[in-house]
Protein backbone atom coordinates (compact mmCIF):
# COMPACT_ATOMS: atom_id res chain seq x y z
CA UNK A 1 9.77 16.19 26.06
CA UNK A 2 7.55 18.05 23.62
CA UNK A 3 4.34 16.18 22.94
CA UNK A 4 3.23 18.25 19.95
CA UNK A 5 5.07 20.09 17.19
CA UNK A 6 2.26 22.65 16.76
CA UNK A 7 0.12 22.23 19.87
CA UNK A 8 -2.43 24.97 19.17
CA UNK A 9 -3.61 23.50 15.87
CA UNK A 10 -3.05 19.82 16.76
CA UNK A 11 -5.39 20.20 19.76
CA UNK A 12 -7.83 22.69 18.21
CA UNK A 13 -11.57 22.26 18.78
CA UNK A 14 -13.70 20.51 16.18
CA UNK A 15 -15.43 23.82 15.58
CA UNK A 16 -12.11 25.50 14.79
CA UNK A 17 -11.00 22.65 12.51
CA UNK A 18 -14.28 22.70 10.59
CA UNK A 19 -14.09 26.48 10.27
CA UNK A 20 -10.63 26.17 8.70
CA UNK A 21 -11.88 23.42 6.38
CA UNK A 22 -15.00 25.32 5.33
CA UNK A 23 -13.05 28.47 4.50
CA UNK A 24 -10.43 26.39 2.71
CA UNK A 25 -13.01 24.47 0.68
CA UNK A 26 -14.79 27.61 -0.51
CA UNK A 27 -11.44 29.16 -1.43
CA UNK A 28 -10.01 26.18 -3.31
CA UNK A 29 -13.20 25.56 -5.31
CA UNK A 30 -13.18 29.17 -6.47
CA UNK A 31 -9.44 29.02 -7.25
CA UNK A 32 -9.56 25.92 -9.41
CA UNK A 33 -12.78 26.97 -11.16
CA UNK A 34 -11.15 30.22 -12.20
CA UNK A 35 -7.60 29.00 -12.87
CA UNK A 36 -7.77 25.36 -13.97
CA UNK A 37 -9.76 24.62 -17.16
CA UNK A 38 -9.62 20.88 -16.44
CA UNK A 39 -11.46 21.37 -13.14
CA UNK A 40 -13.89 23.90 -14.57
CA UNK A 41 -14.88 21.44 -17.30
CA UNK A 42 -15.51 18.66 -14.75
CA UNK A 43 -17.60 20.98 -12.57
CA UNK A 44 -19.64 22.22 -15.53
CA UNK A 45 -20.31 18.61 -16.53
CA UNK A 46 -21.53 17.94 -12.98
CA UNK A 47 -23.67 21.08 -13.05
CA UNK A 48 -21.97 22.76 -10.13
CA UNK A 49 -20.37 26.19 -9.69
CA UNK A 50 -18.48 27.77 -6.76
CA UNK A 51 -21.72 29.52 -5.72
CA UNK A 52 -23.22 26.09 -4.95
CA UNK A 53 -20.58 25.38 -2.29
CA UNK A 54 -21.51 27.08 0.96
CA UNK A 55 -20.56 24.53 3.66
CA UNK A 56 -18.57 21.33 4.23
CA UNK A 57 -21.67 19.26 3.50
CA UNK A 58 -21.74 20.68 0.00
CA UNK A 59 -18.50 18.85 -0.82
CA UNK A 60 -20.63 15.92 -1.98
CA UNK A 61 -21.87 18.08 -4.89
CA UNK A 62 -18.37 18.22 -6.36
CA UNK A 63 -17.02 15.68 -8.87
CA UNK A 64 -14.47 13.07 -7.87
CA UNK A 65 -10.94 13.10 -9.20
CA UNK A 66 -9.09 9.85 -10.04
CA UNK A 67 -5.58 8.85 -10.96
CA UNK A 68 -6.76 8.55 -14.57
CA UNK A 69 -7.72 12.24 -14.46
CA UNK A 70 -4.24 13.10 -13.23
CA UNK A 71 -2.71 11.11 -16.08
CA UNK A 72 -5.02 12.73 -18.62
CA UNK A 73 -4.01 16.18 -17.34
CA UNK A 74 -0.27 15.36 -17.34
CA UNK A 75 1.98 17.30 -17.16
CA UNK A 76 0.57 20.78 -16.43
CA UNK A 77 -3.20 20.38 -16.78
CA UNK A 78 -4.04 20.58 -13.05
CA UNK A 79 -1.54 23.27 -12.09
CA UNK A 80 -3.37 26.02 -10.18
CA UNK A 81 -0.59 28.65 -10.03
CA UNK A 82 1.85 30.09 -12.58
CA UNK A 83 4.73 27.70 -13.19
CA UNK A 84 7.22 30.33 -12.00
CA UNK A 85 5.69 30.02 -8.50
CA UNK A 86 6.62 26.32 -8.31
CA UNK A 87 9.93 25.23 -6.81
CA UNK A 88 9.74 21.42 -7.00
CA UNK A 89 7.89 18.44 -8.41
CA UNK A 90 7.61 14.86 -7.21
CA UNK A 91 6.28 11.89 -9.13
CA UNK A 92 5.05 8.33 -8.85
CA UNK A 93 6.93 5.50 -10.52
CA UNK A 94 4.57 5.42 -13.50
CA UNK A 95 4.63 1.63 -13.71
CA UNK A 96 1.00 1.41 -14.87
CA UNK A 97 0.98 4.27 -17.37
CA UNK A 98 1.85 7.93 -17.46
CA UNK A 99 3.49 9.31 -14.38
CA UNK A 100 1.45 11.16 -11.80
CA UNK A 101 3.16 14.37 -10.69
CA UNK A 102 2.68 16.83 -7.86
CA UNK A 103 3.86 20.45 -7.92
CA UNK A 104 4.94 22.45 -4.87
CA UNK A 105 5.33 26.11 -4.05
CA UNK A 106 7.60 27.13 -1.18
CA UNK A 107 4.51 27.35 1.05
CA UNK A 108 3.42 23.84 0.00
CA UNK A 109 6.80 22.40 0.98
CA UNK A 110 6.68 24.24 4.30
CA UNK A 111 3.25 22.78 5.01
CA UNK A 112 4.39 19.29 4.01
CA UNK A 113 7.43 19.43 6.27
CA UNK A 114 5.24 20.63 9.16
CA UNK A 115 3.11 17.50 8.75
CA UNK A 116 6.20 15.29 8.86
CA UNK A 117 7.54 17.19 11.87
CA UNK A 118 4.24 16.54 13.66
CA UNK A 119 4.66 12.83 12.90
CA UNK A 120 8.20 12.75 14.26
CA UNK A 121 7.28 14.54 17.49
CA UNK A 122 4.27 12.22 17.90
CA UNK A 123 6.74 9.32 17.72
CA UNK A 124 8.82 10.85 20.48
CA UNK A 125 11.24 12.79 18.29
CA UNK A 126 13.17 15.78 19.67
CA UNK A 127 16.15 17.91 18.74
CA UNK A 128 18.35 15.35 20.51
CA UNK A 129 17.45 12.51 18.14
CA UNK A 130 19.31 11.11 15.15
CA UNK A 131 16.75 10.50 12.40
CA UNK A 132 17.81 7.84 9.90
CA UNK A 133 15.86 8.41 6.66
CA UNK A 134 16.02 5.28 4.51
CA UNK A 135 13.12 6.18 2.25
CA UNK A 136 14.10 6.89 -1.35
CA UNK A 137 15.02 10.43 -2.33
CA UNK A 138 14.59 11.97 -5.79
CA UNK A 139 11.16 11.93 -7.42
CA UNK A 140 9.81 9.67 -4.65
CA UNK A 141 8.30 11.78 -1.85
CA UNK A 142 9.35 9.67 1.14
CA UNK A 143 12.92 10.81 1.67
CA UNK A 144 12.39 14.53 1.17
CA UNK A 145 9.30 14.64 3.40
CA UNK A 146 10.83 13.04 6.50
CA UNK A 147 14.13 14.81 5.82
CA UNK A 148 12.43 18.22 5.96
CA UNK A 149 10.33 17.27 8.96
CA UNK A 150 13.37 16.05 10.87
CA UNK A 151 15.23 19.30 10.25
CA UNK A 152 12.22 21.31 11.46
CA UNK A 153 12.23 19.32 14.70
CA UNK A 154 15.96 20.05 14.97
CA UNK A 155 17.08 16.42 14.86
CA UNK A 156 20.37 15.34 13.34
CA UNK A 157 19.21 14.02 9.96
CA UNK A 158 20.91 11.16 8.11
CA UNK A 159 19.69 11.35 4.46
CA UNK A 160 20.54 7.71 3.73
CA UNK A 161 18.01 7.05 0.96
CA UNK A 162 17.13 3.42 0.19
CA UNK A 163 19.47 0.56 -0.59
CA UNK A 164 23.08 -0.26 0.29
CA UNK A 165 22.23 -2.10 3.49
CA UNK A 166 25.87 -2.37 4.62
CA UNK A 167 26.15 1.41 4.58
CA UNK A 168 22.79 1.78 6.34
CA UNK A 169 23.99 -0.39 9.22
CA UNK A 170 27.39 1.29 9.38
CA UNK A 171 25.84 4.74 9.77
CA UNK A 172 23.19 3.37 12.13
CA UNK A 173 25.88 2.08 14.48
CA UNK A 174 28.49 4.84 13.97
CA UNK A 175 26.09 7.75 14.46
CA UNK A 176 23.68 6.16 16.91
CA UNK A 177 20.46 6.46 14.88
CA UNK A 178 17.46 6.65 17.20
CA UNK A 179 14.51 6.97 14.79
CA UNK A 180 14.30 4.89 11.60
CA UNK A 181 12.16 6.05 8.67
CA UNK A 182 11.56 3.58 5.81
CA UNK A 183 9.04 1.10 4.40
CA UNK A 184 7.95 -1.67 6.79
CA UNK A 185 9.28 -4.34 4.43
CA UNK A 186 12.72 -2.71 4.46
CA UNK A 187 12.58 -2.32 8.25
CA UNK A 188 11.97 -6.06 8.44
CA UNK A 189 14.93 -6.68 6.15
CA UNK A 190 17.17 -4.40 8.23
CA UNK A 191 16.12 -6.28 11.37
CA UNK A 192 17.05 -9.55 9.70
CA UNK A 193 20.42 -8.13 8.61
CA UNK A 194 21.15 -6.82 12.12
CA UNK A 195 20.44 -10.27 13.57
CA UNK A 196 22.66 -11.96 10.98
CA UNK A 197 25.58 -9.65 11.79
CA UNK A 198 25.09 -10.00 15.55
CA UNK A 199 25.11 -6.23 16.08
CA UNK A 200 21.81 -5.74 17.89
CA UNK A 201 23.64 -4.52 21.00
CA UNK A 202 25.14 -1.69 18.92
CA UNK A 203 21.75 -0.41 17.70
CA UNK A 204 20.26 2.55 19.58
CA UNK A 205 16.93 2.81 17.76
CA UNK A 206 13.94 3.70 19.93
CA UNK A 207 11.26 4.29 17.27
CA UNK A 208 10.45 3.73 13.63
CA UNK A 209 8.13 5.61 11.26
CA UNK A 210 7.07 3.22 8.53
CA UNK A 211 4.78 3.83 5.54
CA UNK A 212 4.30 3.61 1.75
CA UNK A 213 2.89 0.07 2.13
CA UNK A 214 -0.05 -1.51 3.89
CA UNK A 215 1.21 -3.57 6.85
CA UNK A 216 -0.50 -5.56 9.55
CA UNK A 217 -0.52 -5.36 13.34
CA UNK A 218 1.32 -8.68 13.38
CA UNK A 219 4.07 -7.27 11.19
CA UNK A 220 4.27 -4.25 13.51
CA UNK A 221 4.71 -6.54 16.52
CA UNK A 222 7.38 -8.55 14.68
CA UNK A 223 9.39 -5.42 13.75
CA UNK A 224 9.03 -3.94 17.24
CA UNK A 225 10.25 -7.17 18.82
CA UNK A 226 13.20 -7.68 16.49
CA UNK A 227 14.42 -4.06 16.51
CA UNK A 228 13.47 -3.30 20.10
CA UNK A 229 11.52 -0.18 19.10
CA UNK A 230 8.04 1.29 18.97
CA UNK A 231 6.83 1.26 15.35
CA UNK A 232 4.55 4.05 14.08
CA UNK A 233 2.46 4.15 10.93
CA UNK A 234 2.53 7.17 8.63
CA UNK A 235 0.31 7.90 5.63
CA UNK A 236 0.74 9.93 2.51
CA UNK A 237 0.64 9.71 -1.25
CA UNK A 238 2.46 11.60 -3.96
CA UNK A 239 -0.69 13.06 -5.49
CA UNK A 240 -1.78 14.71 -2.25
CA UNK A 241 1.58 15.71 -0.78
CA UNK A 242 3.72 12.79 0.40
CA UNK A 243 4.15 11.26 3.88
CA UNK A 244 2.73 13.31 6.74
CA UNK A 245 -0.87 13.53 5.55
CA UNK A 246 -1.68 11.39 8.60
CA UNK A 247 0.40 9.80 11.35
CA UNK A 248 0.18 7.74 14.52
CA UNK A 249 0.77 9.03 18.04
CA UNK A 250 1.95 7.08 21.09
CA UNK A 251 -1.52 5.52 21.42
CA UNK A 252 -0.98 3.68 18.10
CA UNK A 253 -4.74 3.76 17.64
CA UNK A 254 -5.24 5.25 14.20
CA UNK A 255 -3.42 7.93 12.21
CA UNK A 256 -4.21 11.59 12.89
CA UNK A 257 -5.04 13.45 9.66
CA UNK A 258 -3.66 16.98 9.32
CA UNK A 259 -7.18 18.32 8.99
CA UNK A 260 -6.02 21.92 8.77
CA UNK A 261 -4.64 20.95 5.33
CA UNK A 262 -6.95 18.16 4.16
CA UNK A 263 -10.64 17.24 4.21
CA UNK A 264 -11.11 13.45 4.50
CA UNK A 265 -14.16 11.46 3.38
CA UNK A 266 -14.95 7.75 3.38
CA UNK A 267 -17.16 6.56 0.52
CA UNK A 268 -18.59 3.24 -0.55
CA UNK A 269 -16.14 2.01 -3.26
CA UNK A 270 -19.03 0.69 -5.37
CA UNK A 271 -21.67 3.44 -5.07
CA UNK A 272 -19.29 6.31 -4.14
CA UNK A 273 -21.84 7.48 -1.57
CA UNK A 274 -20.46 8.77 1.78
CA UNK A 275 -20.57 6.27 4.65
CA UNK A 276 -20.83 7.03 8.41
CA UNK A 277 -17.79 7.30 10.67
CA UNK A 278 -16.60 3.85 11.69
CA UNK A 279 -17.75 2.17 8.48
CA UNK A 280 -15.12 0.76 6.15
CA UNK A 281 -14.83 2.30 2.71
CA UNK A 282 -12.54 4.13 0.30
CA UNK A 283 -10.58 7.13 1.51
CA UNK A 284 -11.12 10.39 -0.40
CA UNK A 285 -9.11 13.57 0.16
CA UNK A 286 -9.48 17.24 -0.70
CA UNK A 287 -6.13 19.02 -0.32
CA UNK A 288 -7.58 22.51 0.06
CA UNK A 289 -4.45 24.15 1.49
CA UNK A 290 -2.18 23.23 -1.40
CA UNK A 291 -1.32 26.21 -3.64
CA UNK A 292 0.27 24.61 -6.70
CA UNK A 293 -1.62 21.33 -7.04
CA UNK A 294 -4.81 21.19 -4.95
CA UNK A 295 -6.91 18.08 -5.49
CA UNK A 296 -10.65 18.00 -4.87
CA UNK A 297 -12.32 14.74 -3.80
CA UNK A 298 -9.39 12.61 -4.91
CA UNK A 299 -10.15 8.89 -4.72
CA UNK A 300 -7.10 7.29 -3.11
CA UNK A 301 -8.31 3.68 -3.58
CA UNK A 302 -7.11 3.04 0.00
CA UNK A 303 -9.51 1.07 2.20
CA UNK A 304 -9.97 2.18 5.82
CA UNK A 305 -12.43 3.84 8.19
CA UNK A 306 -12.44 7.12 10.08
CA UNK A 307 -13.18 8.26 13.63
CA UNK A 308 -13.51 11.82 14.89
CA UNK A 309 -13.41 10.98 18.60
CA UNK A 310 -10.75 12.84 20.55
CA UNK A 311 -7.64 10.70 21.07
CA UNK A 312 -6.16 10.02 24.51
CA UNK A 313 -3.01 11.81 23.33
CA UNK A 314 -4.96 15.07 23.27
CA UNK A 315 -4.98 15.52 19.49
CA UNK A 316 -8.39 16.39 18.11
CA UNK A 317 -7.91 15.75 14.40
CA UNK A 318 -9.80 12.84 12.84
CA UNK A 319 -8.03 9.49 12.67
CA UNK A 320 -7.99 6.82 10.00
CA UNK A 321 -7.47 3.17 10.85
CA UNK A 322 -4.32 1.61 9.43
CA UNK A 323 -4.89 0.74 5.79
CA UNK A 324 -6.61 -2.57 5.16
CA UNK A 325 -5.52 -2.72 1.54
CA UNK A 326 -6.48 -0.99 -1.67
CA UNK A 327 -9.65 -1.31 -3.69
CA UNK A 328 -7.50 -1.77 -6.80
CA UNK A 329 -5.00 -4.14 -5.09
CA UNK A 330 -7.74 -6.35 -3.76
CA UNK A 331 -7.68 -9.73 -5.46
CA UNK A 332 -10.86 -11.55 -6.36
CA UNK A 333 -9.96 -15.22 -6.36
CA UNK A 334 -12.76 -17.70 -7.03
CA UNK A 335 -15.21 -14.92 -6.23
CA UNK A 336 -13.64 -14.19 -2.83
CA UNK A 337 -12.06 -10.83 -1.89
CA UNK A 338 -8.45 -11.42 -0.87
CA UNK A 339 -6.06 -8.80 0.54
CA UNK A 340 -2.32 -9.50 0.86
CA UNK A 341 -2.50 -8.21 4.44
CA UNK A 342 -4.75 -11.16 5.34
CA UNK A 343 -2.15 -13.59 4.05
CA UNK A 344 0.59 -11.74 5.93
CA UNK A 345 -1.39 -11.99 9.16
CA UNK A 346 -1.67 -15.75 8.81
CA UNK A 347 2.02 -16.22 8.00
CA UNK A 348 3.27 -14.20 10.96
CA UNK A 349 0.95 -16.07 13.32
CA UNK A 350 2.45 -19.26 11.93
CA UNK A 351 5.90 -17.98 12.91
CA UNK A 352 7.00 -17.31 9.35
CA UNK A 353 9.05 -14.34 8.09
CA UNK A 354 7.19 -11.43 6.47
CA UNK A 355 8.78 -12.05 3.08
CA UNK A 356 6.27 -13.75 0.82
CA UNK A 357 4.71 -13.52 -2.62
CA UNK A 358 1.26 -14.36 -3.97
CA UNK A 359 1.02 -15.78 -7.47
CA UNK A 360 -2.49 -15.81 -8.91
CA UNK A 361 -3.28 -17.51 -12.20
CA UNK A 362 -6.18 -18.98 -14.16
CA UNK A 363 -5.94 -22.63 -15.19
CA UNK A 364 -8.72 -24.36 -17.13
CA UNK A 365 -10.99 -21.35 -16.49
CA UNK A 366 -10.46 -21.65 -12.73
CA UNK A 367 -8.53 -19.27 -10.47
CA UNK A 368 -5.49 -20.59 -8.63
CA UNK A 369 -3.41 -18.97 -5.89
CA UNK A 370 0.05 -20.01 -4.75
CA UNK A 371 1.80 -18.50 -1.76
CA UNK A 372 5.60 -18.58 -1.76
CA UNK A 373 6.98 -18.18 1.74
CA UNK A 374 10.61 -17.93 2.75
CA UNK A 375 11.84 -20.28 5.43
CA UNK A 376 14.10 -19.19 8.24
CA UNK A 377 17.65 -20.61 8.08
CA UNK A 378 16.72 -22.97 10.95
CA UNK A 379 13.69 -24.32 9.09
CA UNK A 380 15.69 -24.76 5.88
CA UNK A 381 17.86 -27.33 7.67
CA UNK A 382 14.83 -29.29 8.88
CA UNK A 383 13.73 -32.60 7.46
CA UNK A 384 11.57 -32.60 4.35
CA UNK A 385 8.71 -34.08 6.36
CA UNK A 386 8.81 -31.14 8.80
CA UNK A 387 8.69 -28.65 5.93
CA UNK A 388 5.77 -30.45 4.31
CA UNK A 389 3.95 -30.49 7.65
CA UNK A 390 4.42 -26.72 8.01
CA UNK A 391 3.12 -26.14 4.50
CA UNK A 392 -0.02 -28.08 5.38
CA UNK A 393 -0.50 -26.03 8.57
CA UNK A 394 -0.31 -22.79 6.58
CA UNK A 395 -2.72 -24.13 3.94
CA UNK A 396 -5.23 -24.91 6.71
CA UNK A 397 -4.79 -21.48 8.34
CA UNK A 398 -5.22 -19.67 5.01
CA UNK A 399 -8.35 -21.69 4.25
CA UNK A 400 -9.76 -20.65 7.62
CA UNK A 401 -8.92 -16.96 7.02
CA UNK A 402 -9.84 -16.65 3.34
CA UNK A 403 -12.40 -19.39 2.79
CA UNK A 404 -10.54 -20.70 -0.27
CA UNK A 405 -7.69 -23.13 -0.94
CA UNK A 406 -4.24 -21.71 -1.65
CA UNK A 407 -1.20 -23.80 -2.49
CA UNK A 408 1.73 -23.04 -0.18
CA UNK A 409 5.38 -23.54 -1.07
CA UNK A 410 8.15 -22.90 1.44
CA UNK A 411 11.25 -21.68 -0.38
CA UNK A 412 14.90 -21.09 0.51
CA UNK A 413 15.86 -18.15 2.73
CA UNK A 414 16.44 -14.95 0.72
CA UNK A 415 15.18 -16.51 -2.52
CA UNK A 416 12.36 -13.96 -2.84
CA UNK A 417 13.61 -10.61 -4.10
CA UNK A 418 14.15 -8.18 -1.24
CA UNK A 419 12.58 -4.74 -1.52
CA UNK A 420 14.28 -1.52 -0.52
CA UNK A 421 11.33 0.47 -1.83
CA UNK A 422 7.82 -0.95 -1.96
CA UNK A 423 7.50 -4.72 -1.75
CA UNK A 424 6.02 -6.55 -4.74
CA UNK A 425 3.67 -8.91 -2.95
CA UNK A 426 1.36 -9.95 -5.78
CA UNK A 427 1.93 -11.37 -9.24
CA UNK A 428 -1.41 -11.70 -10.99
CA UNK A 429 -0.80 -13.64 -14.19
CA UNK A 430 -4.47 -13.28 -15.13
CA UNK A 431 -3.67 -9.68 -16.12
CA UNK A 432 -0.49 -10.46 -18.03
C-alpha cells in the first residue's frame, strides 16, 4: 500500500522545504505588490517594499490580512491574475457580513486536489477504495476538494454532498463505501442512524476524514468506536484553499501542513508577536503558491500550536495540533475563557451524546450559561430522579473543567437540530 501520494516532497528535508518557501515568499510579495493595489496600499502603510523581504524571517515585516480585509476587497479587490485566468470561485456562507470568496486558476485547483490526495493516502486510501464524500458541494469547498483528491488517488468517488441521510446510508451499503469524508458532527449523526437501523454489519468503512469543525479527542474516540473506523482530522479554510491545507497521518499526532504551498506562523492573539514552536497561539498562513488569490499573513483566528519535529510516519512537513477552538469563537463567561470543545470533552466523559448546545445570556448584569444536552433513548425512559442526578453530575464536572457554574438541562433525544454542515454549538444572546 502506498504510504505517500507525493513521496519526494512529503519527505523532503527541512532545508529543501525552507528553500521552496523562501523562493515562494519573495515571488508572491513581488507579485501582489505589482498587481494588487489593495496589497500595495497595505504594504506602503507598513513602510515595507518587496526589496525588504530577503528571507523567511522577514515575513514578520509584512502586514497581516484579516477576514475584514477580504470583505472590504470583495469581490475582485485581492485578485492577483486577470479574471480570464480564473476557472472557479468558492465562498463562505457570509452569515456575519459580506461573503468571503476565493478564486482558482487551473493550477490552483490542481495544487488543492494534490493536498487532498495526500490526506486520503495518509488515511490509508488507495485506488481500490470507495470514497464517500458527504461534505457539501457548490460554493462550499469541502465536497469539491475531497472529490478531486479522491479521483487523483484513483478511488471510486461517491459525490454524495450533505443531507438526505437515508440516501447516504443506501449508497454506503450498496456500494461498500470504505472512506467517509464529512464533518465530525455529521459522522456522529450517521453513526447514530446506522445504530438505529441495525445495519452496522453492512457497513464496510475503514477510515473517516473529518474537518470543518473543531472536535475533541473524546469525540474522535466515540466516532471510531461507533463506526468501527480510524478517524483522521483534516484542516482547511475557504480563504486559503479549502480542505487539504493540513492533514493527519496514521500516527494521529498533529496535522501535516503542505509546506510546499503554505508558510505557517503561530502568533500571540493579543500582541500578534510570533511565539516559539510548541506554544499555543493563533494560526497565520501565507499561501505563496496560489496564483489567483494568494494571501499573505492571513489571520485564521484558529487556536493551536506547531511542531517541526519529523513525524514517525516519515513526513517532514510541520504539524499543527488539532484545533483547540477559535479566538473569535471563544466565549468569555464571567471573565473565564470557555471553548465549546471543553464542554464537549466533559459531556463525552459523562457518557453523553455529542449533540449539545450552549446558550449564553446576561441577566441582571451577570453572565449565565446553560448547556442543553440530548439524552440517549435509554436515558429518556429513566426516572426523573435519575435524570436530575445526571444533570447534577454534569454540572459538577463542568465546574471542575471551567471553574464556573453552568446550568445543565437534559432534553429529549433528537430535540436539538441536527447539522449536516457545520454544527451550531453556541447561541450567545448577549450579542443579539
